[in-house]
Amino acid sequence: MTGANKPKVDCVLDIRADLGECPVWCAEERALYWIDIYVGRLNRFDPASGKNQVWTLPEAIGSFALATDGSALVALKSGLWRYDLKTGKLTALAKPEAHLRNNRLNDGRCDRQGRFWVGSMEDPVNPAGPKGSLYRFGADRRCVQAVDGLYVANGLAFSPDGRTLYHSDSFKAVRTIWAWDLDIDDGTIGNRRVFVDTQGMPGRPDGGAVDADGCYWMAGNDGWEIVRFTPRGEVDRRIALPVAKPSMLAFGGPKLDVIYVTSIRPSSGLRDQPMAGSLFAVEAGVTGLPEPRYKG
């Protein structure tokens, strides 16, 4: 997009994290929570003051959800834990991959009914075979494997009516976003189909989000952009970013009309992207949906 229609992109937190991920807007606090995966940091960014609060966890954190009781459900390398943000107390809830020593939990998000969905991956990825899965974790605290055979489970998002689940595999040989029918009552999924095959596009599908129009937004890792797809999987908009590796996005702000984008800081090639790893805000002229809390 060019000229007057070009969206405004600002670096709102020049923090240069190693692997920034999982932005979650908290409407009640008017604050954005996000993580830095390998150093185990959960952050709370206040756009009004520009301050960033940090909680440091004992393991890598792949994703999280804010819970209805005020705590956080955190997906650490070892499994799912409840984290008390006031006391720092961790309570183990589920360890679905305790038998896979090289795996860790990755991208996660709550559906409209407050069930937490989380993917996993072998880290580093073994090209010889996929060992990642997608899990559903409900209020009953049962962790159910919903999908297997994934390399890098990513891209979780849900349609406005909650009846379609999107997820992706970011591995370079796959690069696919799928859509599933989601039973909103029992959380089962079926009718898997390819939503977007990103082969040939600049970036791989990393984190995703759905806006109020039902369009899916993809963080194009290695593509220097975020991309909006219509519900039919057609490219609708592309917004260029000043970093090569956007990792995930979330709608925030009082009107949910700001797209916050986390990013990854690579070990080289920083001359053209000195702010890589920082947090960006995009004014794209569209609105998002409230982020559900984990009900459990």
Protein backbone atom coordinates (compact mmCIF):
# COMPACT_ATOMS: atom_id res chain seq x y z
CA MET A 1 0.00 0.00 0.00
CA THR A 2 1.36 3.42 -0.88
CA GLY A 3 0.63 7.10 -0.51
CA ALA A 4 -2.10 8.32 1.81
CA ASN A 5 -3.41 4.79 2.34
CA LYS A 6 -0.14 3.47 3.65
CA PRO A 7 -0.69 2.32 7.29
CA LYS A 8 1.34 3.98 10.00
CA VAL A 9 3.87 1.60 11.59
CA ASP A 10 5.57 2.68 14.83
CA CYS A 11 8.10 0.99 17.08
CA VAL A 12 6.38 1.44 20.45
CA LEU A 13 8.84 -0.57 22.53
CA ASP A 14 12.45 -0.64 21.35
CA ILE A 15 13.37 -3.66 23.46
CA ARG A 16 15.10 -5.93 20.90
CA ALA A 17 13.98 -9.25 22.38
CA ASP A 18 15.52 -12.48 21.16
CA LEU A 19 12.19 -14.10 20.30
CA GLY A 20 9.24 -11.85 21.00
CA GLU A 21 5.90 -13.63 20.70
CA CYS A 22 2.27 -14.04 21.78
CA PRO A 23 0.93 -10.48 22.22
CA VAL A 24 -2.37 -10.50 24.16
CA TRP A 25 -4.37 -7.32 24.75
CA CYS A 26 -6.02 -6.94 28.16
CA ALA A 27 -8.95 -4.57 27.69
CA GLU A 28 -9.54 -4.12 31.42
CA GLU A 29 -5.98 -2.90 32.00
CA ARG A 30 -5.51 -1.28 28.59
CA ALA A 31 -2.19 -3.10 28.45
CA LEU A 32 -0.47 -5.58 26.17
CA TYR A 33 1.02 -8.78 27.56
CA TRP A 34 3.68 -10.54 25.48
CA ILE A 35 6.59 -12.96 25.89
CA ASP A 36 10.26 -13.49 25.05
CA ILE A 37 10.38 -17.26 24.57
CA TYR A 38 13.83 -18.63 25.37
CA VAL A 39 14.60 -16.34 28.30
CA GLY A 40 11.23 -17.21 29.86
CA ARG A 41 9.96 -13.65 30.18
CA LEU A 42 6.32 -12.66 30.43
CA ASN A 43 5.91 -8.92 29.86
CA ARG A 44 3.21 -6.30 30.40
CA PHE A 45 3.50 -3.22 28.21
CA ASP A 46 1.52 -0.09 29.09
CA PRO A 47 1.09 1.99 25.90
CA ALA A 48 0.09 5.09 27.90
CA SER A 49 3.28 5.23 29.95
CA GLY A 50 5.61 3.26 27.69
CA LYS A 51 6.65 1.11 30.66
CA ASN A 52 7.27 -2.64 30.34
CA GLN A 53 6.93 -4.89 33.40
CA VAL A 54 8.69 -8.26 33.39
CA TRP A 55 8.08 -11.60 35.12
CA THR A 56 10.85 -14.19 34.66
CA LEU A 57 9.83 -17.85 34.57
CA PRO A 58 12.13 -20.84 35.16
CA GLU A 59 11.72 -22.28 31.65
CA ALA A 60 11.17 -21.20 28.09
CA ILE A 61 7.60 -19.97 27.57
CA GLY A 62 5.90 -20.68 24.24
CA SER A 63 2.58 -18.91 24.84
CA PHE A 64 0.05 -18.02 27.53
CA ALA A 65 -3.51 -16.89 28.19
CA LEU A 66 -4.89 -14.58 30.83
CA ALA A 67 -7.37 -16.48 33.02
CA THR A 68 -10.73 -15.44 34.45
CA ASP A 69 -9.36 -15.63 38.02
CA GLY A 70 -6.63 -13.06 37.33
CA SER A 71 -3.80 -15.55 36.94
CA ALA A 72 -2.08 -16.59 33.71
CA LEU A 73 -2.11 -20.01 32.06
CA VAL A 74 1.46 -20.39 30.81
CA ALA A 75 2.72 -22.92 28.27
CA LEU A 76 6.25 -23.63 29.42
CA LYS A 77 8.70 -26.11 27.89
CA SER A 78 7.61 -28.79 30.36
CA GLY A 79 3.86 -28.26 30.09
CA LEU A 80 0.94 -26.12 31.18
CA TRP A 81 1.07 -24.26 34.49
CA ARG A 82 -1.06 -21.74 36.33
CA TYR A 83 1.03 -18.67 37.21
CA ASP A 84 0.01 -16.27 39.95
CA LEU A 85 1.09 -12.84 38.70
CA LYS A 86 1.06 -11.39 42.21
CA THR A 87 2.99 -14.07 44.11
CA GLY A 88 4.94 -15.77 41.33
CA LYS A 89 3.61 -19.18 42.36
CA LEU A 90 3.52 -21.85 39.65
CA THR A 91 1.03 -24.74 39.81
CA ALA A 92 1.42 -27.66 37.41
CA LEU A 93 -1.69 -28.48 35.37
CA ALA A 94 -0.67 -30.81 32.51
CA LYS A 95 2.47 -32.21 30.91
CA PRO A 96 1.32 -33.69 27.60
CA GLU A 97 4.79 -34.28 26.18
CA ALA A 98 6.86 -35.31 29.17
CA HIS A 99 8.01 -38.30 27.11
CA LEU A 100 9.45 -36.06 24.35
CA ARG A 101 12.56 -34.49 25.87
CA ASN A 102 13.39 -32.27 22.91
CA ASN A 103 9.89 -30.89 22.48
CA ARG A 104 8.48 -27.67 23.86
CA LEU A 105 5.09 -26.01 23.78
CA ASN A 106 4.74 -23.19 21.27
CA ASP A 107 1.93 -21.01 19.90
CA GLY A 108 -1.28 -20.94 21.95
CA ARG A 109 -4.59 -19.06 22.21
CA CYS A 110 -8.07 -19.39 23.74
CA ASP A 111 -11.12 -20.07 21.62
CA ARG A 112 -14.33 -18.06 22.07
CA GLN A 113 -15.50 -20.50 24.77
CA GLY A 114 -12.35 -20.04 26.88
CA ARG A 115 -10.63 -23.34 26.02
CA PHE A 116 -6.88 -23.01 25.56
CA TRP A 117 -5.37 -24.48 22.41
CA VAL A 118 -1.61 -24.93 22.23
CA GLY A 119 0.79 -26.44 19.74
CA SER A 120 4.18 -28.06 20.22
CA MET A 121 7.38 -28.55 18.29
CA GLU A 122 10.72 -30.35 18.47
CA ASP A 123 13.36 -27.72 19.16
CA PRO A 124 15.47 -27.59 17.08
CA VAL A 125 13.25 -29.05 14.39
CA ASN A 126 14.33 -32.40 12.98
CA PRO A 127 13.57 -32.39 9.22
CA ALA A 128 13.45 -36.19 9.30
CA GLY A 129 9.99 -36.19 10.78
CA PRO A 130 7.37 -34.05 12.55
CA LYS A 131 6.97 -34.53 16.30
CA GLY A 132 4.67 -31.62 17.11
CA SER A 133 0.99 -31.70 17.97
CA LEU A 134 -1.95 -29.43 18.70
CA TYR A 135 -3.70 -29.79 22.07
CA ARG A 136 -6.98 -28.61 23.59
CA PHE A 137 -7.05 -27.75 27.30
CA GLY A 138 -10.46 -27.01 28.77
CA ALA A 139 -11.91 -25.97 32.10
CA ASP A 140 -11.92 -29.65 33.13
CA ARG A 141 -8.10 -29.53 32.87
CA ARG A 142 -8.00 -32.43 30.44
CA CYS A 143 -5.29 -31.98 27.83
CA VAL A 144 -6.49 -33.65 24.62
CA GLN A 145 -4.37 -34.16 21.51
CA ALA A 146 -6.39 -32.78 18.59
CA VAL A 147 -3.83 -32.91 15.75
CA ASP A 148 -0.49 -34.68 15.35
CA GLY A 149 2.18 -34.77 12.64
CA LEU A 150 3.23 -31.11 12.88
CA TYR A 151 6.74 -29.70 12.68
CA VAL A 152 6.14 -26.21 14.12
CA ALA A 153 2.58 -25.73 15.35
CA ASN A 154 1.65 -22.08 14.87
CA GLY A 155 -0.92 -19.57 13.64
CA LEU A 156 -3.83 -20.28 16.01
CA ALA A 157 -6.87 -18.08 15.52
CA PHE A 158 -10.66 -18.39 15.59
CA SER A 159 -13.44 -16.99 13.42
CA PRO A 160 -15.73 -14.36 14.97
CA ASP A 161 -18.50 -16.93 15.52
CA GLY A 162 -16.01 -19.39 17.03
CA ARG A 163 -16.91 -22.14 14.58
CA THR A 164 -13.69 -22.15 12.55
CA LEU A 165 -10.24 -22.89 13.95
CA TYR A 166 -7.16 -21.82 12.01
CA HIS A 167 -3.64 -23.07 12.60
CA SER A 168 -0.44 -23.40 10.61
CA ASP A 169 2.87 -25.20 10.35
CA SER A 170 5.73 -22.73 9.93
CA PHE A 171 8.32 -25.30 8.86
CA LYS A 172 9.88 -24.27 5.54
CA ALA A 173 8.85 -27.49 3.79
CA VAL A 174 5.19 -27.11 4.83
CA ARG A 175 4.27 -23.40 5.11
CA THR A 176 0.55 -24.10 5.21
CA ILE A 177 -2.42 -22.59 7.08
CA TRP A 178 -5.38 -24.92 7.63
CA ALA A 179 -8.99 -24.30 8.62
CA TRP A 180 -11.12 -26.71 10.66
CA ASP A 181 -14.75 -26.82 11.67
CA LEU A 182 -14.93 -26.38 15.44
CA ASP A 183 -17.81 -27.71 17.53
CA ILE A 184 -18.30 -24.86 20.00
CA ASP A 185 -20.00 -27.15 22.52
CA ASP A 186 -17.48 -29.96 22.94
CA GLY A 187 -14.38 -28.48 21.28
CA THR A 188 -13.90 -31.24 18.71
CA ILE A 189 -12.62 -30.33 15.26
CA GLY A 190 -13.15 -31.85 11.82
CA ASN A 191 -13.26 -31.18 8.07
CA ARG A 192 -9.65 -30.10 7.80
CA ARG A 193 -8.86 -28.16 4.62
CA VAL A 194 -6.06 -25.99 3.29
CA PHE A 195 -6.87 -22.34 3.93
CA VAL A 196 -3.67 -20.87 2.44
CA ASP A 197 -0.58 -22.52 0.98
CA THR A 198 2.12 -19.87 1.40
CA GLN A 199 4.69 -21.52 -0.87
CA GLY A 200 5.94 -18.77 -3.16
CA MET A 201 5.06 -15.98 -0.73
CA PRO A 202 7.87 -13.94 0.87
CA GLY A 203 7.21 -15.09 4.43
CA ARG A 204 6.34 -18.26 6.30
CA PRO A 205 3.12 -18.36 8.39
CA ASP A 206 3.99 -17.56 11.99
CA GLY A 207 1.41 -16.18 14.46
CA GLY A 208 -2.08 -15.27 13.34
CA ALA A 209 -5.19 -13.32 14.37
CA VAL A 210 -8.71 -12.80 13.04
CA ASP A 211 -10.32 -9.36 12.79
CA ALA A 212 -13.94 -8.31 13.25
CA ASP A 213 -14.60 -8.85 9.53
CA GLY A 214 -13.53 -12.49 9.81
CA CYS A 215 -10.30 -11.94 7.90
CA TYR A 216 -7.17 -13.83 8.97
CA TRP A 217 -3.94 -11.91 9.52
CA MET A 218 -0.60 -13.70 9.16
CA ALA A 219 2.76 -12.62 10.51
CA GLY A 220 5.02 -13.33 7.53
CA ASN A 221 8.21 -14.60 9.15
CA ASP A 222 11.18 -13.79 6.87
CA GLY A 223 8.80 -11.78 4.69
CA TRP A 224 9.05 -8.30 6.27
CA GLU A 225 5.25 -8.04 6.33
CA ILE A 226 1.89 -8.93 7.79
CA VAL A 227 -0.76 -10.21 5.39
CA ARG A 228 -4.56 -10.12 5.56
CA PHE A 229 -6.52 -12.97 3.95
CA THR A 230 -10.27 -12.95 3.29
CA PRO A 231 -12.35 -15.82 4.72
CA ARG A 232 -11.90 -17.46 1.31
CA GLY A 233 -8.11 -17.45 1.70
CA GLU A 234 -7.43 -14.69 -0.81
CA VAL A 235 -4.77 -12.02 -0.17
CA ASP A 236 -6.55 -8.79 0.73
CA ARG A 237 -3.78 -6.54 2.12
CA ARG A 238 -0.06 -6.60 2.74
CA ILE A 239 1.60 -4.22 5.19
CA ALA A 240 5.38 -3.82 5.08
CA LEU A 241 7.31 -3.79 8.34
CA PRO A 242 10.84 -2.61 9.23
CA VAL A 243 11.83 -6.10 10.44
CA ALA A 244 12.24 -9.37 8.56
CA LYS A 245 10.74 -11.66 11.19
CA PRO A 246 7.38 -10.53 12.56
CA SER A 247 6.27 -13.36 14.83
CA MET A 248 2.68 -12.73 15.94
CA LEU A 249 0.05 -10.01 16.06
CA ALA A 250 -2.85 -8.94 18.25
CA PHE A 251 -5.51 -6.26 18.09
CA GLY A 252 -5.41 -3.77 20.93
CA GLY A 253 -6.08 -0.23 22.00
CA PRO A 254 -9.35 1.07 23.50
CA LYS A 255 -11.14 0.52 20.18
CA LEU A 256 -9.21 -2.65 19.20
CA ASP A 257 -8.01 -0.78 16.12
CA VAL A 258 -4.25 -1.05 16.70
CA ILE A 259 -2.35 -4.11 15.48
CA TYR A 260 0.52 -4.91 17.84
CA VAL A 261 3.26 -7.00 16.27
CA THR A 262 6.06 -8.85 18.08
CA SER A 263 9.27 -9.77 16.28
CA ILE A 264 12.40 -11.91 16.36
CA ARG A 265 15.97 -10.66 16.52
CA PRO A 266 18.23 -12.82 14.31
CA SER A 267 21.88 -13.38 15.04
CA SER A 268 22.98 -11.63 11.83
CA GLY A 269 21.71 -9.26 9.17
CA LEU A 270 20.85 -6.48 11.61
CA ARG A 271 22.19 -3.59 9.57
CA ASP A 272 18.91 -3.30 7.68
CA GLN A 273 16.73 -3.98 10.70
CA PRO A 274 18.30 -2.54 13.86
CA MET A 275 14.98 -2.68 15.75
CA ALA A 276 14.44 -6.40 15.14
CA GLY A 277 12.98 -8.04 18.25
CA SER A 278 11.04 -4.93 19.22
CA LEU A 279 7.29 -4.31 19.51
CA PHE A 280 5.44 -2.45 16.75
CA ALA A 281 2.02 -0.85 16.41
CA VAL A 282 0.18 -0.64 13.09
CA GLU A 283 -2.80 1.62 12.38
CA ALA A 284 -4.46 -0.37 9.61
CA GLY A 285 -8.00 1.02 9.73
CA VAL A 286 -9.58 -2.26 10.84
CA THR A 287 -10.75 -3.52 14.22
CA GLY A 288 -10.19 -6.78 16.01
CA LEU A 289 -12.06 -8.92 18.53
CA PRO A 290 -11.71 -9.13 22.32
CA GLU A 291 -9.26 -11.81 23.41
CA PRO A 292 -11.06 -14.50 25.46
CA ARG A 293 -9.71 -15.49 28.87
CA TYR A 294 -9.06 -19.06 29.91
CA LYS A 295 -12.08 -20.39 31.83
CA GLY A 296 -10.67 -22.96 34.19
